[in-house]
Amino acid sequence: MGLEVYDENNKIILSKDFSKKHYDMEVGYPVYNEMMDTMGLHVVDVNFDGYKDVIILNNFFGAHGNTWYDCWLWDVKTSSFVASESFAEICNPSLDPDNN
């Protein structure tokens, strides 16, 4: 399981392998391969810069269904996605485009 994003010239601009569990942050949250469906993938402007970014469900657990996402922000200067480590640390992120 994985994700590959191509540009209009068929060049890979984002590639991520989810075939093996990995551990994010020091606390070790595993990626559950069974969650890697369309419900866990979102293409949305996370940082409100006018460019679409990619977020993928990383983990959910607990009595309240807490969620964490991996996030890649579009970098216009390099025409590529860059991992956002700080976004991955936010529990239950919610985007508010009206208030940025």
PDB file of N, CA and C in Angstrom:
ATOM      1  N   MET A   1       0.851  -1.175   0.000  1.00  0.00           N
ATOM      2  CA  MET A   1       0.000   0.000   0.000  1.00  0.00           C
ATOM      3  C   MET A   1       0.891   1.230   0.000  1.00  0.00           C
ATOM      4  N   GLY A   2       0.464   2.223  -0.714  1.00  0.00           N
ATOM      5  CA  GLY A   2       1.254   3.433  -0.765  1.00  0.00           C
ATOM      6  C   GLY A   2       0.523   4.533  -1.490  1.00  0.00           C
ATOM      7  N   LEU A   3       1.221   5.623  -1.679  1.00  0.00           N
ATOM      8  CA  LEU A   3       0.667   6.785  -2.346  1.00  0.00           C
ATOM      9  C   LEU A   3       1.725   7.339  -3.277  1.00  0.00           C
ATOM     10  N   GLU A   4       1.352   7.586  -4.514  1.00  0.00           N
ATOM     11  CA  GLU A   4       2.222   8.264  -5.457  1.00  0.00           C
ATOM     12  C   GLU A   4       1.414   9.355  -6.136  1.00  0.00           C
ATOM     13  N   VAL A   5       1.968  10.565  -6.161  1.00  0.00           N
ATOM     14  CA  VAL A   5       1.339  11.704  -6.810  1.00  0.00           C
ATOM     15  C   VAL A   5       2.245  12.132  -7.956  1.00  0.00           C
ATOM     16  N   TYR A   6       1.655  12.275  -9.147  1.00  0.00           N
ATOM     17  CA  TYR A   6       2.404  12.643 -10.346  1.00  0.00           C
ATOM     18  C   TYR A   6       2.011  14.032 -10.811  1.00  0.00           C
ATOM     19  N   ASP A   7       2.951  14.744 -11.430  1.00  0.00           N
ATOM     20  CA  ASP A   7       2.612  16.016 -12.045  1.00  0.00           C
ATOM     21  C   ASP A   7       2.138  15.787 -13.476  1.00  0.00           C
ATOM     22  N   GLU A   8       1.844  16.858 -14.184  1.00  0.00           N
ATOM     23  CA  GLU A   8       1.306  16.736 -15.534  1.00  0.00           C
ATOM     24  C   GLU A   8       2.293  16.126 -16.527  1.00  0.00           C
ATOM     25  N   ASN A   9       3.585  16.067 -16.165  1.00  0.00           N
ATOM     26  CA  ASN A   9       4.604  15.450 -17.019  1.00  0.00           C
ATOM     27  C   ASN A   9       4.908  14.013 -16.607  1.00  0.00           C
ATOM     28  N   ASN A  10       4.047  13.444 -15.772  1.00  0.00           N
ATOM     29  CA  ASN A  10       4.186  12.074 -15.292  1.00  0.00           C
ATOM     30  C   ASN A  10       5.415  11.875 -14.401  1.00  0.00           C
ATOM     31  N   LYS A  11       5.860  12.943 -13.746  1.00  0.00           N
ATOM     32  CA  LYS A  11       6.974  12.891 -12.807  1.00  0.00           C
ATOM     33  C   LYS A  11       6.402  12.742 -11.399  1.00  0.00           C
ATOM     34  N   ILE A  12       6.956  11.822 -10.613  1.00  0.00           N
ATOM     35  CA  ILE A  12       6.481  11.635  -9.236  1.00  0.00           C
ATOM     36  C   ILE A  12       6.901  12.839  -8.387  1.00  0.00           C
ATOM     37  N   ILE A  13       5.907  13.465  -7.725  1.00  0.00           N
ATOM     38  CA  ILE A  13       6.209  14.596  -6.853  1.00  0.00           C
ATOM     39  C   ILE A  13       5.953  14.274  -5.384  1.00  0.00           C
ATOM     40  N   LEU A  14       5.347  13.110  -5.117  1.00  0.00           N
ATOM     41  CA  LEU A  14       5.184  12.629  -3.748  1.00  0.00           C
ATOM     42  C   LEU A  14       5.059  11.122  -3.795  1.00  0.00           C
ATOM     43  N   SER A  15       5.860  10.440  -2.990  1.00  0.00           N
ATOM     44  CA  SER A  15       5.804   8.982  -2.923  1.00  0.00           C
ATOM     45  C   SER A  15       5.960   8.560  -1.470  1.00  0.00           C
ATOM     46  N   LYS A  16       5.037   7.744  -0.996  1.00  0.00           N
ATOM     47  CA  LYS A  16       5.073   7.277   0.391  1.00  0.00           C
ATOM     48  C   LYS A  16       4.660   5.817   0.419  1.00  0.00           C
ATOM     49  N   ASP A  17       5.455   4.974   1.084  1.00  0.00           N
ATOM     50  CA  ASP A  17       5.196   3.546   1.185  1.00  0.00           C
ATOM     51  C   ASP A  17       4.567   3.246   2.538  1.00  0.00           C
ATOM     52  N   PHE A  18       3.370   2.656   2.521  1.00  0.00           N
ATOM     53  CA  PHE A  18       2.682   2.278   3.751  1.00  0.00           C
ATOM     54  C   PHE A  18       2.586   0.757   3.891  1.00  0.00           C
ATOM     55  N   SER A  19       3.393   0.014   3.131  1.00  0.00           N
ATOM     56  CA  SER A  19       3.284  -1.437   3.153  1.00  0.00           C
ATOM     57  C   SER A  19       3.769  -2.034   4.470  1.00  0.00           C
ATOM     58  N   LYS A  20       4.618  -1.334   5.160  1.00  0.00           N
ATOM     59  CA  LYS A  20       5.077  -1.786   6.474  1.00  0.00           C
ATOM     60  C   LYS A  20       4.653  -0.751   7.489  1.00  0.00           C
ATOM     61  N   LYS A  21       4.344  -1.200   8.687  1.00  0.00           N
ATOM     62  CA  LYS A  21       4.008  -0.246   9.736  1.00  0.00           C
ATOM     63  C   LYS A  21       5.248   0.572  10.060  1.00  0.00           C
ATOM     64  N   HIS A  22       5.032   1.850  10.287  1.00  0.00           N
ATOM     65  CA  HIS A  22       6.116   2.693  10.745  1.00  0.00           C
ATOM     66  C   HIS A  22       5.639   3.414  11.997  1.00  0.00           C
ATOM     67  N   TYR A  23       6.541   4.034  12.682  1.00  0.00           N
ATOM     68  CA  TYR A  23       6.184   4.701  13.912  1.00  0.00           C
ATOM     69  C   TYR A  23       6.526   6.167  13.808  1.00  0.00           C
ATOM     70  N   ASP A  24       5.526   6.969  14.085  1.00  0.00           N
ATOM     71  CA  ASP A  24       5.628   8.406  13.983  1.00  0.00           C
ATOM     72  C   ASP A  24       5.839   8.987  15.371  1.00  0.00           C
ATOM     73  N   MET A  25       6.546  10.059  15.458  1.00  0.00           N
ATOM     74  CA  MET A  25       6.794  10.761  16.712  1.00  0.00           C
ATOM     75  C   MET A  25       7.467   9.807  17.704  1.00  0.00           C
ATOM     76  N   GLU A  26       7.875  10.302  18.817  1.00  0.00           N
ATOM     77  CA  GLU A  26       8.555   9.465  19.802  1.00  0.00           C
ATOM     78  C   GLU A  26       7.628   8.464  20.485  1.00  0.00           C
ATOM     79  N   VAL A  27       6.331   8.743  20.521  1.00  0.00           N
ATOM     80  CA  VAL A  27       5.414   7.861  21.237  1.00  0.00           C
ATOM     81  C   VAL A  27       5.044   6.625  20.445  1.00  0.00           C
ATOM     82  N   GLY A  28       5.336   6.597  19.164  1.00  0.00           N
ATOM     83  CA  GLY A  28       5.176   5.379  18.378  1.00  0.00           C
ATOM     84  C   GLY A  28       3.767   5.047  17.944  1.00  0.00           C
ATOM     85  N   TYR A  29       3.099   5.923  17.231  1.00  0.00           N
ATOM     86  CA  TYR A  29       1.769   5.626  16.713  1.00  0.00           C
ATOM     87  C   TYR A  29       1.892   4.891  15.397  1.00  0.00           C
ATOM     88  N   PRO A  30       1.362   3.664  15.290  1.00  0.00           N
ATOM     89  CA  PRO A  30       1.477   2.912  14.042  1.00  0.00           C
ATOM     90  C   PRO A  30       0.483   3.362  12.986  1.00  0.00           C
ATOM     91  N   VAL A  31       0.876   3.242  11.743  1.00  0.00           N
ATOM     92  CA  VAL A  31      -0.054   3.453  10.634  1.00  0.00           C
ATOM     93  C   VAL A  31      -0.798   2.150  10.426  1.00  0.00           C
ATOM     94  N   TYR A  32      -2.114   2.193  10.401  1.00  0.00           N
ATOM     95  CA  TYR A  32      -2.915   1.006  10.182  1.00  0.00           C
ATOM     96  C   TYR A  32      -3.251   0.909   8.707  1.00  0.00           C
ATOM     97  N   ASN A  33      -2.691  -0.074   8.042  1.00  0.00           N
ATOM     98  CA  ASN A  33      -2.910  -0.219   6.602  1.00  0.00           C
ATOM     99  C   ASN A  33      -4.385  -0.337   6.260  1.00  0.00           C
ATOM    100  N   GLU A  34      -5.188  -0.937   7.121  1.00  0.00           N
ATOM    101  CA  GLU A  34      -6.608  -1.094   6.821  1.00  0.00           C
ATOM    102  C   GLU A  34      -7.345   0.248   6.787  1.00  0.00           C
ATOM    103  N   MET A  35      -6.739   1.318   7.295  1.00  0.00           N
ATOM    104  CA  MET A  35      -7.368   2.634   7.271  1.00  0.00           C
ATOM    105  C   MET A  35      -6.989   3.413   6.020  1.00  0.00           C
ATOM    106  N   MET A  36      -6.093   2.898   5.206  1.00  0.00           N
ATOM    107  CA  MET A  36      -5.604   3.648   4.060  1.00  0.00           C
ATOM    108  C   MET A  36      -6.555   3.507   2.878  1.00  0.00           C
ATOM    109  N   ASP A  37      -7.729   4.046   3.021  1.00  0.00           N
ATOM    110  CA  ASP A  37      -8.699   4.063   1.934  1.00  0.00           C
ATOM    111  C   ASP A  37      -9.047   5.514   1.637  1.00  0.00           C
ATOM    112  N   THR A  38     -10.037   5.755   0.855  1.00  0.00           N
ATOM    113  CA  THR A  38     -10.353   7.129   0.489  1.00  0.00           C
ATOM    114  C   THR A  38     -10.828   7.958   1.676  1.00  0.00           C
ATOM    115  N   MET A  39     -11.280   7.325   2.734  1.00  0.00           N
ATOM    116  CA  MET A  39     -11.695   8.082   3.917  1.00  0.00           C
ATOM    117  C   MET A  39     -10.494   8.660   4.664  1.00  0.00           C
ATOM    118  N   GLY A  40      -9.314   8.104   4.451  1.00  0.00           N
ATOM    119  CA  GLY A  40      -8.130   8.595   5.154  1.00  0.00           C
ATOM    120  C   GLY A  40      -7.281   9.544   4.341  1.00  0.00           C
ATOM    121  N   LEU A  41      -7.592   9.732   3.074  1.00  0.00           N
ATOM    122  CA  LEU A  41      -6.814  10.597   2.189  1.00  0.00           C
ATOM    123  C   LEU A  41      -7.612  11.848   1.866  1.00  0.00           C
ATOM    124  N   HIS A  42      -6.999  13.003   2.088  1.00  0.00           N
ATOM    125  CA  HIS A  42      -7.664  14.268   1.787  1.00  0.00           C
ATOM    126  C   HIS A  42      -6.695  15.189   1.049  1.00  0.00           C
ATOM    127  N   VAL A  43      -7.160  15.798  -0.008  1.00  0.00           N
ATOM    128  CA  VAL A  43      -6.382  16.792  -0.746  1.00  0.00           C
ATOM    129  C   VAL A  43      -7.074  18.123  -0.491  1.00  0.00           C
ATOM    130  N   VAL A  44      -6.428  18.963   0.318  1.00  0.00           N
ATOM    131  CA  VAL A  44      -7.059  20.192   0.807  1.00  0.00           C
ATOM    132  C   VAL A  44      -5.957  21.217   1.104  1.00  0.00           C
ATOM    133  N   ASP A  45      -6.301  22.484   1.057  1.00  0.00           N
ATOM    134  CA  ASP A  45      -5.343  23.547   1.363  1.00  0.00           C
ATOM    135  C   ASP A  45      -5.209  23.674   2.879  1.00  0.00           C
ATOM    136  N   VAL A  46      -4.229  23.008   3.438  1.00  0.00           N
ATOM    137  CA  VAL A  46      -4.043  22.954   4.893  1.00  0.00           C
ATOM    138  C   VAL A  46      -3.565  24.288   5.453  1.00  0.00           C
ATOM    139  N   ASN A  47      -2.623  24.934   4.779  1.00  0.00           N
ATOM    140  CA  ASN A  47      -2.030  26.158   5.320  1.00  0.00           C
ATOM    141  C   ASN A  47      -2.581  27.432   4.666  1.00  0.00           C
ATOM    142  N   PHE A  48      -3.665  27.297   3.894  1.00  0.00           N
ATOM    143  CA  PHE A  48      -4.396  28.427   3.327  1.00  0.00           C
ATOM    144  C   PHE A  48      -3.527  29.338   2.465  1.00  0.00           C
ATOM    145  N   ASP A  49      -2.630  28.714   1.690  1.00  0.00           N
ATOM    146  CA  ASP A  49      -1.772  29.493   0.786  1.00  0.00           C
ATOM    147  C   ASP A  49      -2.271  29.457  -0.658  1.00  0.00           C
ATOM    148  N   GLY A  50      -3.426  28.814  -0.878  1.00  0.00           N
ATOM    149  CA  GLY A  50      -3.991  28.728  -2.209  1.00  0.00           C
ATOM    150  C   GLY A  50      -3.603  27.485  -2.976  1.00  0.00           C
ATOM    151  N   TYR A  51      -2.769  26.619  -2.384  1.00  0.00           N
ATOM    152  CA  TYR A  51      -2.335  25.380  -3.033  1.00  0.00           C
ATOM    153  C   TYR A  51      -2.830  24.179  -2.239  1.00  0.00           C
ATOM    154  N   LYS A  52      -3.247  23.143  -2.952  1.00  0.00           N
ATOM    155  CA  LYS A  52      -3.733  21.924  -2.300  1.00  0.00           C
ATOM    156  C   LYS A  52      -2.567  21.157  -1.680  1.00  0.00           C
ATOM    157  N   ASP A  53      -2.795  20.645  -0.488  1.00  0.00           N
ATOM    158  CA  ASP A  53      -1.841  19.830   0.241  1.00  0.00           C
ATOM    159  C   ASP A  53      -2.440  18.437   0.396  1.00  0.00           C
ATOM    160  N   VAL A  54      -1.679  17.502   0.933  1.00  0.00           N
ATOM    161  CA  VAL A  54      -2.138  16.125   1.097  1.00  0.00           C
ATOM    162  C   VAL A  54      -2.068  15.748   2.570  1.00  0.00           C
ATOM    163  N   ILE A  55      -3.181  15.224   3.108  1.00  0.00           N
ATOM    164  CA  ILE A  55      -3.156  14.659   4.460  1.00  0.00           C
ATOM    165  C   ILE A  55      -3.691  13.229   4.386  1.00  0.00           C
ATOM    166  N   ILE A  56      -3.082  12.364   5.175  1.00  0.00           N
ATOM    167  CA  ILE A  56      -3.453  10.952   5.216  1.00  0.00           C
ATOM    168  C   ILE A  56      -3.611  10.536   6.664  1.00  0.00           C
ATOM    169  N   LEU A  57      -4.713   9.866   6.951  1.00  0.00           N
ATOM    170  CA  LEU A  57      -4.957   9.377   8.298  1.00  0.00           C
ATOM    171  C   LEU A  57      -3.810   8.496   8.749  1.00  0.00           C
ATOM    172  N   ASN A  58      -3.211   8.847   9.861  1.00  0.00           N
ATOM    173  CA  ASN A  58      -2.092   8.100  10.404  1.00  0.00           C
ATOM    174  C   ASN A  58      -2.575   7.127  11.473  1.00  0.00           C
ATOM    175  N   ASN A  59      -3.441   7.605  12.362  1.00  0.00           N
ATOM    176  CA  ASN A  59      -3.846   6.792  13.500  1.00  0.00           C
ATOM    177  C   ASN A  59      -5.132   7.337  14.106  1.00  0.00           C
ATOM    178  N   PHE A  60      -5.908   6.456  14.670  1.00  0.00           N
ATOM    179  CA  PHE A  60      -7.023   6.873  15.500  1.00  0.00           C
ATOM    180  C   PHE A  60      -7.194   5.832  16.597  1.00  0.00           C
ATOM    181  N   PHE A  61      -7.478   6.304  17.798  1.00  0.00           N
ATOM    182  CA  PHE A  61      -7.738   5.394  18.912  1.00  0.00           C
ATOM    183  C   PHE A  61      -8.262   6.183  20.092  1.00  0.00           C
ATOM    184  N   GLY A  62      -8.568   5.494  21.132  1.00  0.00           N
ATOM    185  CA  GLY A  62      -9.066   6.108  22.350  1.00  0.00           C
ATOM    186  C   GLY A  62     -10.586   6.124  22.374  1.00  0.00           C
ATOM    187  N   ALA A  63     -11.135   6.399  23.533  1.00  0.00           N
ATOM    188  CA  ALA A  63     -12.580   6.410  23.723  1.00  0.00           C
ATOM    189  C   ALA A  63     -13.266   7.477  22.876  1.00  0.00           C
ATOM    190  N   HIS A  64     -12.531   8.524  22.512  1.00  0.00           N
ATOM    191  CA  HIS A  64     -13.113   9.617  21.737  1.00  0.00           C
ATOM    192  C   HIS A  64     -12.744   9.543  20.262  1.00  0.00           C
ATOM    193  N   GLY A  65     -12.076   8.487  19.843  1.00  0.00           N
ATOM    194  CA  GLY A  65     -11.688   8.347  18.441  1.00  0.00           C
ATOM    195  C   GLY A  65     -10.704   9.412  17.997  1.00  0.00           C
ATOM    196  N   ASN A  66      -9.713   9.705  18.835  1.00  0.00           N
ATOM    197  CA  ASN A  66      -8.717  10.711  18.493  1.00  0.00           C
ATOM    198  C   ASN A  66      -8.000  10.338  17.205  1.00  0.00           C
ATOM    199  N   THR A  67      -7.725  11.342  16.369  1.00  0.00           N
ATOM    200  CA  THR A  67      -7.085  11.099  15.078  1.00  0.00           C
ATOM    201  C   THR A  67      -5.818  11.931  14.929  1.00  0.00           C
ATOM    202  N   TRP A  68      -4.874  11.366  14.198  1.00  0.00           N
ATOM    203  CA  TRP A  68      -3.653  12.051  13.807  1.00  0.00           C
ATOM    204  C   TRP A  68      -3.462  11.824  12.315  1.00  0.00           C
ATOM    205  N   TYR A  69      -2.933  12.804  11.621  1.00  0.00           N
ATOM    206  CA  TYR A  69      -2.713  12.722  10.181  1.00  0.00           C
ATOM    207  C   TYR A  69      -1.266  13.049   9.850  1.00  0.00           C
ATOM    208  N   ASP A  70      -0.732  12.380   8.823  1.00  0.00           N
ATOM    209  CA  ASP A  70       0.517  12.810   8.212  1.00  0.00           C
ATOM    210  C   ASP A  70       0.128  13.860   7.187  1.00  0.00           C
ATOM    211  N   CYS A  71       0.971  14.859   6.999  1.00  0.00           N
ATOM    212  CA  CYS A  71       0.650  15.969   6.117  1.00  0.00           C
ATOM    213  C   CYS A  71       1.855  16.329   5.263  1.00  0.00           C
ATOM    214  N   TRP A  72       1.583  16.585   3.984  1.00  0.00           N
ATOM    215  CA  TRP A  72       2.612  17.088   3.071  1.00  0.00           C
ATOM    216  C   TRP A  72       2.086  18.378   2.467  1.00  0.00           C
ATOM    217  N   LEU A  73       2.834  19.460   2.661  1.00  0.00           N
ATOM    218  CA  LEU A  73       2.460  20.773   2.152  1.00  0.00           C
ATOM    219  C   LEU A  73       3.109  21.003   0.788  1.00  0.00           C
ATOM    220  N   TRP A  74       2.359  21.610  -0.119  1.00  0.00           N
ATOM    221  CA  TRP A  74       2.899  21.917  -1.437  1.00  0.00           C
ATOM    222  C   TRP A  74       3.864  23.098  -1.317  1.00  0.00           C
ATOM    223  N   ASP A  75       5.094  22.893  -1.810  1.00  0.00           N
ATOM    224  CA  ASP A  75       6.111  23.939  -1.811  1.00  0.00           C
ATOM    225  C   ASP A  75       6.232  24.462  -3.237  1.00  0.00           C
ATOM    226  N   VAL A  76       5.756  25.674  -3.443  1.00  0.00           N
ATOM    227  CA  VAL A  76       5.719  26.262  -4.777  1.00  0.00           C
ATOM    228  C   VAL A  76       7.130  26.475  -5.334  1.00  0.00           C
ATOM    229  N   LYS A  77       8.089  26.778  -4.472  1.00  0.00           N
ATOM    230  CA  LYS A  77       9.459  27.045  -4.934  1.00  0.00           C
ATOM    231  C   LYS A  77      10.114  25.804  -5.530  1.00  0.00           C
ATOM    232  N   THR A  78       9.837  24.636  -4.942  1.00  0.00           N
ATOM    233  CA  THR A  78      10.468  23.400  -5.413  1.00  0.00           C
ATOM    234  C   THR A  78       9.515  22.536  -6.231  1.00  0.00           C
ATOM    235  N   SER A  79       8.260  22.967  -6.359  1.00  0.00           N
ATOM    236  CA  SER A  79       7.216  22.195  -7.049  1.00  0.00           C
ATOM    237  C   SER A  79       7.159  20.759  -6.546  1.00  0.00           C
ATOM    238  N   SER A  80       7.135  20.634  -5.220  1.00  0.00           N
ATOM    239  CA  SER A  80       7.062  19.311  -4.602  1.00  0.00           C
ATOM    240  C   SER A  80       6.355  19.421  -3.255  1.00  0.00           C
ATOM    241  N   PHE A  81       5.985  18.268  -2.710  1.00  0.00           N
ATOM    242  CA  PHE A  81       5.373  18.227  -1.389  1.00  0.00           C
ATOM    243  C   PHE A  81       6.452  18.048  -0.332  1.00  0.00           C
ATOM    244  N   VAL A  82       6.285  18.726   0.808  1.00  0.00           N
ATOM    245  CA  VAL A  82       7.228  18.659   1.913  1.00  0.00           C
ATOM    246  C   VAL A  82       6.471  18.207   3.156  1.00  0.00           C
ATOM    247  N   ALA A  83       7.010  17.213   3.848  1.00  0.00           N
ATOM    248  CA  ALA A  83       6.357  16.703   5.060  1.00  0.00           C
ATOM    249  C   ALA A  83       6.283  17.786   6.125  1.00  0.00           C
ATOM    250  N   SER A  84       5.135  17.868   6.787  1.00  0.00           N
ATOM    251  CA  SER A  84       4.938  18.807   7.888  1.00  0.00           C
ATOM    252  C   SER A  84       4.945  18.014   9.188  1.00  0.00           C
ATOM    253  N   GLU A  85       6.063  18.010   9.868  1.00  0.00           N
ATOM    254  CA  GLU A  85       6.192  17.265  11.129  1.00  0.00           C
ATOM    255  C   GLU A  85       5.254  17.827  12.199  1.00  0.00           C
ATOM    256  N   SER A  86       5.086  19.140  12.249  1.00  0.00           N
ATOM    257  CA  SER A  86       4.257  19.735  13.300  1.00  0.00           C
ATOM    258  C   SER A  86       2.784  19.365  13.132  1.00  0.00           C
ATOM    259  N   PHE A  87       2.297  19.231  11.888  1.00  0.00           N
ATOM    260  CA  PHE A  87       0.903  18.856  11.672  1.00  0.00           C
ATOM    261  C   PHE A  87       0.644  17.452  12.203  1.00  0.00           C
ATOM    262  N   ALA A  88       1.608  16.555  12.052  1.00  0.00           N
ATOM    263  CA  ALA A  88       1.456  15.168  12.500  1.00  0.00           C
ATOM    264  C   ALA A  88       1.308  15.072  14.016  1.00  0.00           C
ATOM    265  N   GLU A  89       1.668  16.121  14.735  1.00  0.00           N
ATOM    266  CA  GLU A  89       1.577  16.116  16.197  1.00  0.00           C
ATOM    267  C   GLU A  89       0.238  16.658  16.713  1.00  0.00           C
ATOM    268  N   ILE A  90      -0.625  17.127  15.814  1.00  0.00           N
ATOM    269  CA  ILE A  90      -1.903  17.713  16.224  1.00  0.00           C
ATOM    270  C   ILE A  90      -2.954  16.610  16.335  1.00  0.00           C
ATOM    271  N   CYS A  91      -3.552  16.495  17.500  1.00  0.00           N
ATOM    272  CA  CYS A  91      -4.619  15.524  17.717  1.00  0.00           C
ATOM    273  C   CYS A  91      -5.938  16.139  17.251  1.00  0.00           C
ATOM    274  N   ASN A  92      -6.697  15.387  16.461  1.00  0.00           N
ATOM    275  CA  ASN A  92      -7.994  15.827  15.953  1.00  0.00           C
ATOM    276  C   ASN A  92      -7.916  17.171  15.230  1.00  0.00           C
ATOM    277  N   PRO A  93      -7.070  17.288  14.222  1.00  0.00           N
ATOM    278  CA  PRO A  93      -6.963  18.577  13.531  1.00  0.00           C
ATOM    279  C   PRO A  93      -8.273  18.933  12.831  1.00  0.00           C
ATOM    280  N   SER A  94      -8.551  20.219  12.811  1.00  0.00           N
ATOM    281  CA  SER A  94      -9.750  20.725  12.137  1.00  0.00           C
ATOM    282  C   SER A  94      -9.355  21.981  11.379  1.00  0.00           C
ATOM    283  N   LEU A  95      -9.625  21.999  10.079  1.00  0.00           N
ATOM    284  CA  LEU A  95      -9.281  23.157   9.267  1.00  0.00           C
ATOM    285  C   LEU A  95     -10.429  24.155   9.278  1.00  0.00           C
ATOM    286  N   ASP A  96     -10.096  25.427   9.423  1.00  0.00           N
ATOM    287  CA  ASP A  96     -11.094  26.487   9.452  1.00  0.00           C
ATOM    288  C   ASP A  96     -10.734  27.545   8.412  1.00  0.00           C
ATOM    289  N   PRO A  97     -11.130  27.317   7.147  1.00  0.00           N
ATOM    290  CA  PRO A  97     -10.745  28.247   6.093  1.00  0.00           C
ATOM    291  C   PRO A  97     -11.315  29.655   6.269  1.00  0.00           C
ATOM    292  N   ASP A  98     -12.426  29.798   6.990  1.00  0.00           N
ATOM    293  CA  ASP A  98     -13.009  31.120   7.202  1.00  0.00           C
ATOM    294  C   ASP A  98     -12.113  32.000   8.065  1.00  0.00           C
ATOM    295  N   ASN A  99     -11.388  31.388   9.000  1.00  0.00           N
ATOM    296  CA  ASN A  99     -10.532  32.143   9.921  1.00  0.00           C
ATOM    297  C   ASN A  99      -9.042  31.840   9.727  1.00  0.00           C
ATOM    298  N   ASN A 100      -8.711  31.044   8.681  1.00  0.00           N
ATOM    299  CA  ASN A 100      -7.321  30.631   8.449  1.00  0.00           C
ATOM    300  C   ASN A 100      -6.708  30.028   9.688  1.00  0.00           C
TER     301      ASN A 100
END
